[in-house]
PDB file of N, CA and C in Angstrom:
ATOM      1  N   UNK A   1       0.845  -1.166   0.000  1.00  0.00           N
ATOM      2  CA  UNK A   1       0.000   0.000   0.000  1.00  0.00           C
ATOM      3  C   UNK A   1       0.896   1.237   0.000  1.00  0.00           C
ATOM      4  N   UNK A   2       0.496   2.225  -0.751  1.00  0.00           N
ATOM      5  CA  UNK A   2       1.193   3.502  -0.779  1.00  0.00           C
ATOM      6  C   UNK A   2       0.226   4.568  -0.295  1.00  0.00           C
ATOM      7  N   UNK A   3       0.716   5.441   0.568  1.00  0.00           N
ATOM      8  CA  UNK A   3      -0.088   6.546   1.085  1.00  0.00           C
ATOM      9  C   UNK A   3       0.626   7.828   0.718  1.00  0.00           C
ATOM     10  N   UNK A   4      -0.062   8.733   0.066  1.00  0.00           N
ATOM     11  CA  UNK A   4       0.514  10.029  -0.284  1.00  0.00           C
ATOM     12  C   UNK A   4      -0.044  11.094   0.650  1.00  0.00           C
ATOM     13  N   UNK A   5       0.861  11.820   1.293  1.00  0.00           N
ATOM     14  CA  UNK A   5       0.499  12.941   2.138  1.00  0.00           C
ATOM     15  C   UNK A   5       1.117  14.167   1.479  1.00  0.00           C
ATOM     16  N   UNK A   6       0.310  15.145   1.180  1.00  0.00           N
ATOM     17  CA  UNK A   6       0.793  16.323   0.470  1.00  0.00           C
ATOM     18  C   UNK A   6       1.194  17.423   1.439  1.00  0.00           C
ATOM     19  N   UNK A   7       2.112  18.268   1.000  1.00  0.00           N
ATOM     20  CA  UNK A   7       2.656  19.332   1.847  1.00  0.00           C
ATOM     21  C   UNK A   7       1.552  20.192   2.453  1.00  0.00           C
ATOM     22  N   UNK A   8       0.511  20.442   1.692  1.00  0.00           N
ATOM     23  CA  UNK A   8      -0.579  21.292   2.177  1.00  0.00           C
ATOM     24  C   UNK A   8      -1.341  20.656   3.344  1.00  0.00           C
ATOM     25  N   UNK A   9      -1.230  19.344   3.500  1.00  0.00           N
ATOM     26  CA  UNK A   9      -1.951  18.634   4.560  1.00  0.00           C
ATOM     27  C   UNK A   9      -1.129  18.476   5.834  1.00  0.00           C
ATOM     28  N   UNK A  10       0.193  18.648   5.745  1.00  0.00           N
ATOM     29  CA  UNK A  10       1.087  18.411   6.878  1.00  0.00           C
ATOM     30  C   UNK A  10       0.855  19.438   7.978  1.00  0.00           C
ATOM     31  N   UNK A  11       0.983  18.994   9.215  1.00  0.00           N
ATOM     32  CA  UNK A  11       0.834  19.876  10.377  1.00  0.00           C
ATOM     33  C   UNK A  11       1.959  19.603  11.368  1.00  0.00           C
ATOM     34  N   UNK A  12       2.065  20.458  12.360  1.00  0.00           N
ATOM     35  CA  UNK A  12       2.999  20.243  13.466  1.00  0.00           C
ATOM     36  C   UNK A  12       2.317  19.496  14.608  1.00  0.00           C
ATOM     37  N   UNK A  13       1.078  19.112  14.414  1.00  0.00           N
ATOM     38  CA  UNK A  13       0.312  18.435  15.460  1.00  0.00           C
ATOM     39  C   UNK A  13       0.696  16.950  15.478  1.00  0.00           C
ATOM     40  N   UNK A  14       1.457  16.562  16.485  1.00  0.00           N
ATOM     41  CA  UNK A  14       1.989  15.209  16.598  1.00  0.00           C
ATOM     42  C   UNK A  14       1.725  14.708  18.009  1.00  0.00           C
ATOM     43  N   UNK A  15       1.403  13.421  18.123  1.00  0.00           N
ATOM     44  CA  UNK A  15       1.253  12.842  19.461  1.00  0.00           C
ATOM     45  C   UNK A  15       1.858  11.444  19.492  1.00  0.00           C
ATOM     46  N   UNK A  16       2.305  11.064  20.659  1.00  0.00           N
ATOM     47  CA  UNK A  16       2.846   9.728  20.898  1.00  0.00           C
ATOM     48  C   UNK A  16       1.774   8.944  21.633  1.00  0.00           C
ATOM     49  N   UNK A  17       1.473   7.755  21.122  1.00  0.00           N
ATOM     50  CA  UNK A  17       0.470   6.916  21.764  1.00  0.00           C
ATOM     51  C   UNK A  17       1.073   5.547  22.038  1.00  0.00           C
ATOM     52  N   UNK A  18       0.579   4.886  23.052  1.00  0.00           N
ATOM     53  CA  UNK A  18       1.074   3.567  23.424  1.00  0.00           C
ATOM     54  C   UNK A  18      -0.091   2.642  23.704  1.00  0.00           C
ATOM     55  N   UNK A  19       0.119   1.376  23.436  1.00  0.00           N
ATOM     56  CA  UNK A  19      -0.867   0.373  23.836  1.00  0.00           C
ATOM     57  C   UNK A  19      -0.169  -0.959  24.001  1.00  0.00           C
ATOM     58  N   UNK A  20      -0.801  -1.827  24.768  1.00  0.00           N
ATOM     59  CA  UNK A  20      -0.260  -3.156  25.002  1.00  0.00           C
ATOM     60  C   UNK A  20      -1.266  -4.183  24.501  1.00  0.00           C
ATOM     61  N   UNK A  21      -0.761  -5.141  23.722  1.00  0.00           N
ATOM     62  CA  UNK A  21      -1.597  -6.208  23.184  1.00  0.00           C
ATOM     63  C   UNK A  21      -0.898  -7.532  23.439  1.00  0.00           C
ATOM     64  N   UNK A  22      -1.574  -8.422  24.138  1.00  0.00           N
ATOM     65  CA  UNK A  22      -1.024  -9.744  24.447  1.00  0.00           C
ATOM     66  C   UNK A  22       0.373  -9.654  25.049  1.00  0.00           C
ATOM     67  N   UNK A  23       0.575  -8.694  25.936  1.00  0.00           N
ATOM     68  CA  UNK A  23       1.856  -8.559  26.625  1.00  0.00           C
ATOM     69  C   UNK A  23       2.935  -7.854  25.815  1.00  0.00           C
ATOM     70  N   UNK A  24       2.621  -7.398  24.612  1.00  0.00           N
ATOM     71  CA  UNK A  24       3.579  -6.682  23.773  1.00  0.00           C
ATOM     72  C   UNK A  24       3.240  -5.194  23.784  1.00  0.00           C
ATOM     73  N   UNK A  25       4.267  -4.374  24.023  1.00  0.00           N
ATOM     74  CA  UNK A  25       4.075  -2.925  24.048  1.00  0.00           C
ATOM     75  C   UNK A  25       4.305  -2.351  22.657  1.00  0.00           C
ATOM     76  N   UNK A  26       3.412  -1.496  22.216  1.00  0.00           N
ATOM     77  CA  UNK A  26       3.518  -0.827  20.922  1.00  0.00           C
ATOM     78  C   UNK A  26       3.512   0.672  21.155  1.00  0.00           C
ATOM     79  N   UNK A  27       4.347   1.378  20.405  1.00  0.00           N
ATOM     80  CA  UNK A  27       4.391   2.829  20.465  1.00  0.00           C
ATOM     81  C   UNK A  27       4.064   3.369  19.087  1.00  0.00           C
ATOM     82  N   UNK A  28       3.217   4.393  19.045  1.00  0.00           N
ATOM     83  CA  UNK A  28       2.831   4.987  17.774  1.00  0.00           C
ATOM     84  C   UNK A  28       3.172   6.463  17.725  1.00  0.00           C
ATOM     85  N   UNK A  29       3.610   6.899  16.558  1.00  0.00           N
ATOM     86  CA  UNK A  29       3.836   8.312  16.290  1.00  0.00           C
ATOM     87  C   UNK A  29       2.715   8.749  15.362  1.00  0.00           C
ATOM     88  N   UNK A  30       1.815   9.561  15.853  1.00  0.00           N
ATOM     89  CA  UNK A  30       0.646   9.990  15.078  1.00  0.00           C
ATOM     90  C   UNK A  30       0.845  11.437  14.621  1.00  0.00           C
ATOM     91  N   UNK A  31       0.741  11.638  13.310  1.00  0.00           N
ATOM     92  CA  UNK A  31       0.860  12.963  12.707  1.00  0.00           C
ATOM     93  C   UNK A  31      -0.499  13.313  12.114  1.00  0.00           C
ATOM     94  N   UNK A  32      -1.078  14.392  12.610  1.00  0.00           N
ATOM     95  CA  UNK A  32      -2.401  14.802  12.141  1.00  0.00           C
ATOM     96  C   UNK A  32      -2.301  15.572  10.832  1.00  0.00           C
ATOM     97  N   UNK A  33      -3.346  15.455  10.028  1.00  0.00           N
ATOM     98  CA  UNK A  33      -3.422  16.114   8.729  1.00  0.00           C
ATOM     99  C   UNK A  33      -4.604  17.067   8.727  1.00  0.00           C
ATOM    100  N   UNK A  34      -4.416  18.207   8.109  1.00  0.00           N
ATOM    101  CA  UNK A  34      -5.500  19.174   7.947  1.00  0.00           C
ATOM    102  C   UNK A  34      -5.732  19.359   6.459  1.00  0.00           C
ATOM    103  N   UNK A  35      -6.907  19.043   6.003  1.00  0.00           N
ATOM    104  CA  UNK A  35      -7.248  19.175   4.605  1.00  0.00           C
ATOM    105  C   UNK A  35      -7.500  20.640   4.274  1.00  0.00           C
ATOM    106  N   UNK A  36      -6.745  21.184   3.315  1.00  0.00           N
ATOM    107  CA  UNK A  36      -7.003  22.573   2.942  1.00  0.00           C
ATOM    108  C   UNK A  36      -8.340  22.699   2.209  1.00  0.00           C
ATOM    109  N   UNK A  37      -8.948  23.845   2.344  1.00  0.00           N
ATOM    110  CA  UNK A  37     -10.223  24.087   1.679  1.00  0.00           C
ATOM    111  C   UNK A  37     -10.269  25.531   1.189  1.00  0.00           C
ATOM    112  N   UNK A  38     -11.052  25.759   0.177  1.00  0.00           N
ATOM    113  CA  UNK A  38     -11.236  27.111  -0.334  1.00  0.00           C
ATOM    114  C   UNK A  38     -12.517  27.688   0.259  1.00  0.00           C
ATOM    115  N   UNK A  39     -12.390  28.838   0.879  1.00  0.00           N
ATOM    116  CA  UNK A  39     -13.541  29.496   1.491  1.00  0.00           C
ATOM    117  C   UNK A  39     -14.345  30.251   0.430  1.00  0.00           C
ATOM    118  N   UNK A  40     -15.533  30.696   0.810  1.00  0.00           N
ATOM    119  CA  UNK A  40     -16.436  31.374  -0.122  1.00  0.00           C
ATOM    120  C   UNK A  40     -15.795  32.600  -0.776  1.00  0.00           C
ATOM    121  N   UNK A  41     -14.881  33.273  -0.040  1.00  0.00           N
ATOM    122  CA  UNK A  41     -14.250  34.467  -0.610  1.00  0.00           C
ATOM    123  C   UNK A  41     -13.018  34.136  -1.454  1.00  0.00           C
ATOM    124  N   UNK A  42     -12.737  32.827  -1.640  1.00  0.00           N
ATOM    125  CA  UNK A  42     -11.611  32.404  -2.474  1.00  0.00           C
ATOM    126  C   UNK A  42     -10.312  32.185  -1.737  1.00  0.00           C
ATOM    127  N   UNK A  43     -10.248  32.519  -0.454  1.00  0.00           N
ATOM    128  CA  UNK A  43      -9.023  32.304   0.309  1.00  0.00           C
ATOM    129  C   UNK A  43      -8.924  30.848   0.740  1.00  0.00           C
ATOM    130  N   UNK A  44      -7.694  30.417   1.031  1.00  0.00           N
ATOM    131  CA  UNK A  44      -7.437  29.050   1.482  1.00  0.00           C
ATOM    132  C   UNK A  44      -7.348  29.011   3.000  1.00  0.00           C
ATOM    133  N   UNK A  45      -7.845  27.941   3.588  1.00  0.00           N
ATOM    134  CA  UNK A  45      -7.760  27.743   5.037  1.00  0.00           C
ATOM    135  C   UNK A  45      -7.551  26.267   5.305  1.00  0.00           C
ATOM    136  N   UNK A  46      -6.966  25.957   6.454  1.00  0.00           N
ATOM    137  CA  UNK A  46      -6.869  24.570   6.875  1.00  0.00           C
ATOM    138  C   UNK A  46      -6.885  24.536   8.393  1.00  0.00           C
ATOM    139  N   UNK A  47      -7.369  23.428   8.938  1.00  0.00           N
ATOM    140  CA  UNK A  47      -7.452  23.298  10.382  1.00  0.00           C
ATOM    141  C   UNK A  47      -8.043  21.953  10.734  1.00  0.00           C
ATOM    142  N   UNK A  48      -8.234  21.685  12.012  1.00  0.00           N
ATOM    143  CA  UNK A  48      -8.793  20.405  12.436  1.00  0.00           C
ATOM    144  C   UNK A  48     -10.240  20.248  11.970  1.00  0.00           C
ATOM    145  N   UNK A  49     -10.644  19.001  11.804  1.00  0.00           N
ATOM    146  CA  UNK A  49     -12.012  18.698  11.391  1.00  0.00           C
ATOM    147  C   UNK A  49     -12.817  18.386  12.641  1.00  0.00           C
ATOM    148  N   UNK A  50     -13.378  19.428  13.251  1.00  0.00           N
ATOM    149  CA  UNK A  50     -14.086  19.298  14.525  1.00  0.00           C
ATOM    150  C   UNK A  50     -15.590  19.405  14.277  1.00  0.00           C
ATOM    151  N   UNK A  51     -16.313  18.326  14.641  1.00  0.00           N
ATOM    152  CA  UNK A  51     -17.777  18.347  14.501  1.00  0.00           C
ATOM    153  C   UNK A  51     -18.405  19.270  15.540  1.00  0.00           C
ATOM    154  N   UNK A  52     -17.921  19.129  16.767  1.00  0.00           N
ATOM    155  CA  UNK A  52     -18.366  19.939  17.895  1.00  0.00           C
ATOM    156  C   UNK A  52     -17.281  19.799  18.973  1.00  0.00           C
ATOM    157  N   UNK A  53     -17.251  20.620  19.977  1.00  0.00           N
ATOM    158  CA  UNK A  53     -16.200  20.535  20.999  1.00  0.00           C
ATOM    159  C   UNK A  53     -16.044  19.105  21.542  1.00  0.00           C
ATOM    160  N   UNK A  54     -14.821  18.633  21.548  1.00  0.00           N
ATOM    161  CA  UNK A  54     -14.530  17.291  22.040  1.00  0.00           C
ATOM    162  C   UNK A  54     -14.686  16.204  20.996  1.00  0.00           C
ATOM    163  N   UNK A  55     -15.088  16.541  19.775  1.00  0.00           N
ATOM    164  CA  UNK A  55     -15.303  15.553  18.708  1.00  0.00           C
ATOM    165  C   UNK A  55     -14.445  15.922  17.495  1.00  0.00           C
ATOM    166  N   UNK A  56     -13.137  15.683  17.620  1.00  0.00           N
ATOM    167  CA  UNK A  56     -12.172  15.976  16.560  1.00  0.00           C
ATOM    168  C   UNK A  56     -12.053  14.743  15.672  1.00  0.00           C
ATOM    169  N   UNK A  57     -12.446  14.890  14.418  1.00  0.00           N
ATOM    170  CA  UNK A  57     -12.408  13.776  13.465  1.00  0.00           C
ATOM    171  C   UNK A  57     -11.340  14.014  12.399  1.00  0.00           C
ATOM    172  N   UNK A  58     -10.268  14.718  12.776  1.00  0.00           N
ATOM    173  CA  UNK A  58      -9.190  15.010  11.834  1.00  0.00           C
ATOM    174  C   UNK A  58      -8.498  13.732  11.384  1.00  0.00           C
ATOM    175  N   UNK A  59      -8.086  13.713  10.130  1.00  0.00           N
ATOM    176  CA  UNK A  59      -7.312  12.592   9.614  1.00  0.00           C
ATOM    177  C   UNK A  59      -5.929  12.597  10.254  1.00  0.00           C
ATOM    178  N   UNK A  60      -5.314  11.426  10.300  1.00  0.00           N
ATOM    179  CA  UNK A  60      -3.967  11.307  10.848  1.00  0.00           C
ATOM    180  C   UNK A  60      -3.305  10.070  10.255  1.00  0.00           C
ATOM    181  N   UNK A  61      -1.986  10.086  10.299  1.00  0.00           N
ATOM    182  CA  UNK A  61      -1.198   8.921   9.918  1.00  0.00           C
ATOM    183  C   UNK A  61      -0.453   8.480  11.169  1.00  0.00           C
ATOM    184  N   UNK A  62      -0.533   7.191  11.492  1.00  0.00           N
ATOM    185  CA  UNK A  62       0.147   6.670  12.677  1.00  0.00           C
ATOM    186  C   UNK A  62       1.178   5.633  12.249  1.00  0.00           C
ATOM    187  N   UNK A  63       2.406   5.832  12.680  1.00  0.00           N
ATOM    188  CA  UNK A  63       3.479   4.872  12.451  1.00  0.00           C
ATOM    189  C   UNK A  63       3.646   4.081  13.742  1.00  0.00           C
ATOM    190  N   UNK A  64       3.417   2.758  13.671  1.00  0.00           N
ATOM    191  CA  UNK A  64       3.497   1.909  14.849  1.00  0.00           C
ATOM    192  C   UNK A  64       4.833   1.190  14.897  1.00  0.00           C
ATOM    193  N   UNK A  65       5.383   1.094  16.096  1.00  0.00           N
ATOM    194  CA  UNK A  65       6.631   0.366  16.295  1.00  0.00           C
ATOM    195  C   UNK A  65       6.478  -0.670  17.388  1.00  0.00           C
ATOM    196  N   UNK A  66       6.878  -1.904  17.080  1.00  0.00           N
ATOM    197  CA  UNK A  66       6.870  -2.964  18.084  1.00  0.00           C
ATOM    198  C   UNK A  66       8.180  -2.922  18.865  1.00  0.00           C
ATOM    199  N   UNK A  67       9.218  -2.496  18.159  1.00  0.00           N
ATOM    200  CA  UNK A  67      10.514  -2.281  18.803  1.00  0.00           C
ATOM    201  C   UNK A  67      10.711  -0.773  18.887  1.00  0.00           C
ATOM    202  N   UNK A  68      11.931  -0.326  18.968  1.00  0.00           N
ATOM    203  CA  UNK A  68      12.212   1.100  19.081  1.00  0.00           C
ATOM    204  C   UNK A  68      11.960   1.782  17.736  1.00  0.00           C
ATOM    205  N   UNK A  69      10.873   2.513  17.633  1.00  0.00           N
ATOM    206  CA  UNK A  69      10.474   3.201  16.410  1.00  0.00           C
ATOM    207  C   UNK A  69      11.501   4.250  15.994  1.00  0.00           C
ATOM    208  N   UNK A  70      12.264   4.767  16.949  1.00  0.00           N
ATOM    209  CA  UNK A  70      13.249   5.807  16.643  1.00  0.00           C
ATOM    210  C   UNK A  70      14.301   5.339  15.651  1.00  0.00           C
ATOM    211  N   UNK A  71      14.633   4.051  15.662  1.00  0.00           N
ATOM    212  CA  UNK A  71      15.643   3.525  14.741  1.00  0.00           C
ATOM    213  C   UNK A  71      15.216   3.727  13.294  1.00  0.00           C
ATOM    214  N   UNK A  72      13.983   3.391  12.977  1.00  0.00           N
ATOM    215  CA  UNK A  72      13.464   3.551  11.612  1.00  0.00           C
ATOM    216  C   UNK A  72      13.379   5.031  11.251  1.00  0.00           C
ATOM    217  N   UNK A  73      12.906   5.845  12.181  1.00  0.00           N
ATOM    218  CA  UNK A  73      12.750   7.275  11.905  1.00  0.00           C
ATOM    219  C   UNK A  73      14.109   7.961  11.730  1.00  0.00           C
ATOM    220  N   UNK A  74      15.099   7.578  12.519  1.00  0.00           N
ATOM    221  CA  UNK A  74      16.447   8.153  12.367  1.00  0.00           C
ATOM    222  C   UNK A  74      17.031   7.796  11.008  1.00  0.00           C
ATOM    223  N   UNK A  75      16.825   6.544  10.582  1.00  0.00           N
ATOM    224  CA  UNK A  75      17.318   6.121   9.278  1.00  0.00           C
ATOM    225  C   UNK A  75      16.652   6.924   8.165  1.00  0.00           C
ATOM    226  N   UNK A  76      15.337   7.143   8.282  1.00  0.00           N
ATOM    227  CA  UNK A  76      14.617   7.929   7.283  1.00  0.00           C
ATOM    228  C   UNK A  76      15.136   9.369   7.249  1.00  0.00           C
ATOM    229  N   UNK A  77      15.382   9.960   8.417  1.00  0.00           N
ATOM    230  CA  UNK A  77      15.900  11.329   8.461  1.00  0.00           C
ATOM    231  C   UNK A  77      17.315  11.417   7.891  1.00  0.00           C
ATOM    232  N   UNK A  78      18.134  10.403   8.125  1.00  0.00           N
ATOM    233  CA  UNK A  78      19.484  10.386   7.551  1.00  0.00           C
ATOM    234  C   UNK A  78      19.414  10.359   6.031  1.00  0.00           C
ATOM    235  N   UNK A  79      18.472   9.620   5.480  1.00  0.00           N
ATOM    236  CA  UNK A  79      18.305   9.581   4.025  1.00  0.00           C
ATOM    237  C   UNK A  79      17.818  10.922   3.487  1.00  0.00           C
ATOM    238  N   UNK A  80      16.929  11.580   4.220  1.00  0.00           N
ATOM    239  CA  UNK A  80      16.486  12.916   3.816  1.00  0.00           C
ATOM    240  C   UNK A  80      17.639  13.915   3.874  1.00  0.00           C
ATOM    241  N   UNK A  81      18.466  13.821   4.926  1.00  0.00           N
ATOM    242  CA  UNK A  81      19.629  14.704   5.029  1.00  0.00           C
ATOM    243  C   UNK A  81      20.542  14.518   3.825  1.00  0.00           C
ATOM    244  N   UNK A  82      20.822  13.271   3.464  1.00  0.00           N
ATOM    245  CA  UNK A  82      21.684  12.984   2.310  1.00  0.00           C
ATOM    246  C   UNK A  82      21.065  13.530   1.029  1.00  0.00           C
ATOM    247  N   UNK A  83      19.770  13.414   0.901  1.00  0.00           N
ATOM    248  CA  UNK A  83      19.067  13.924  -0.285  1.00  0.00           C
ATOM    249  C   UNK A  83      19.239  15.430  -0.416  1.00  0.00           C
ATOM    250  N   UNK A  84      19.020  16.157   0.683  1.00  0.00           N
ATOM    251  CA  UNK A  84      19.095  17.614   0.633  1.00  0.00           C
ATOM    252  C   UNK A  84      20.530  18.121   0.490  1.00  0.00           C
ATOM    253  N   UNK A  85      21.502  17.327   0.920  1.00  0.00           N
ATOM    254  CA  UNK A  85      22.903  17.735   0.776  1.00  0.00           C
ATOM    255  C   UNK A  85      23.402  17.511  -0.652  1.00  0.00           C
ATOM    256  N   UNK A  86      22.784  16.594  -1.382  1.00  0.00           N
ATOM    257  CA  UNK A  86      23.162  16.309  -2.763  1.00  0.00           C
ATOM    258  C   UNK A  86      22.429  17.263  -3.701  1.00  0.00           C
ATOM    259  N   UNK A  87      22.842  17.266  -4.963  1.00  0.00           N
ATOM    260  CA  UNK A  87      22.130  18.070  -5.963  1.00  0.00           C
ATOM    261  C   UNK A  87      20.742  17.485  -6.147  1.00  0.00           C
ATOM    262  N   UNK A  88      19.694  18.304  -6.053  1.00  0.00           N
ATOM    263  CA  UNK A  88      18.324  17.784  -6.210  1.00  0.00           C
ATOM    264  C   UNK A  88      18.126  17.149  -7.592  1.00  0.00           C
ATOM    265  N   UNK A  89      17.354  16.067  -7.672  1.00  0.00           N
ATOM    266  CA  UNK A  89      17.080  15.420  -8.954  1.00  0.00           C
ATOM    267  C   UNK A  89      16.148  16.274  -9.809  1.00  0.00           C
ATOM    268  N   UNK A  90      16.020  15.894 -11.048  1.00  0.00           N
ATOM    269  CA  UNK A  90      15.108  16.582 -11.963  1.00  0.00           C
ATOM    270  C   UNK A  90      13.669  16.347 -11.499  1.00  0.00           C
ATOM    271  N   UNK A  91      12.765  17.288 -11.730  1.00  0.00           N
ATOM    272  CA  UNK A  91      11.365  17.103 -11.358  1.00  0.00           C
ATOM    273  C   UNK A  91      10.796  15.823 -11.990  1.00  0.00           C
ATOM    274  N   UNK A  92      10.055  15.085 -11.200  1.00  0.00           N
ATOM    275  CA  UNK A  92       9.442  13.846 -11.678  1.00  0.00           C
ATOM    276  C   UNK A  92      10.326  12.624 -11.521  1.00  0.00           C
ATOM    277  N   UNK A  93      11.587  12.809 -11.108  1.00  0.00           N
ATOM    278  CA  UNK A  93      12.489  11.658 -10.944  1.00  0.00           C
ATOM    279  C   UNK A  93      12.082  10.863  -9.708  1.00  0.00           C
ATOM    280  N   UNK A  94      12.243   9.559  -9.798  1.00  0.00           N
ATOM    281  CA  UNK A  94      11.988   8.680  -8.666  1.00  0.00           C
ATOM    282  C   UNK A  94      13.329   8.178  -8.169  1.00  0.00           C
ATOM    283  N   UNK A  95      13.557   8.346  -6.876  1.00  0.00           N
ATOM    284  CA  UNK A  95      14.819   7.947  -6.279  1.00  0.00           C
ATOM    285  C   UNK A  95      14.579   6.705  -5.442  1.00  0.00           C
ATOM    286  N   UNK A  96      15.308   5.656  -5.728  1.00  0.00           N
ATOM    287  CA  UNK A  96      15.204   4.426  -4.934  1.00  0.00           C
ATOM    288  C   UNK A  96      16.134   4.554  -3.730  1.00  0.00           C
ATOM    289  N   UNK A  97      15.634   4.223  -2.546  1.00  0.00           N
ATOM    290  CA  UNK A  97      16.456   4.247  -1.340  1.00  0.00           C
ATOM    291  C   UNK A  97      16.441   2.867  -0.730  1.00  0.00           C
ATOM    292  N   UNK A  98      17.600   2.457  -0.224  1.00  0.00           N
ATOM    293  CA  UNK A  98      17.690   1.122   0.399  1.00  0.00           C
ATOM    294  C   UNK A  98      16.990   1.093   1.726  1.00  0.00           C
TER     295      UNK A  98
END
């Protein structure tokens, strides 16, 4: 499965969640998404999808780790660092990462 999250949807709203299942501890990194919308006057806005106070139905992506999730995230950030330090590829190029 591939999930695309666009820059316009990204937020700084992040939470760490934990749960235990059958004696195994899981940690999740949840990143909330705000869908941009065009208002009646033509301006753009984005924010949480709140039905009423206490009922936030905002979309989110959760990365679950059975072991230390930081290892995977550090590796991903190291690859991003290498990408930004190198000459950027041509638009539309697909870069394979190990």
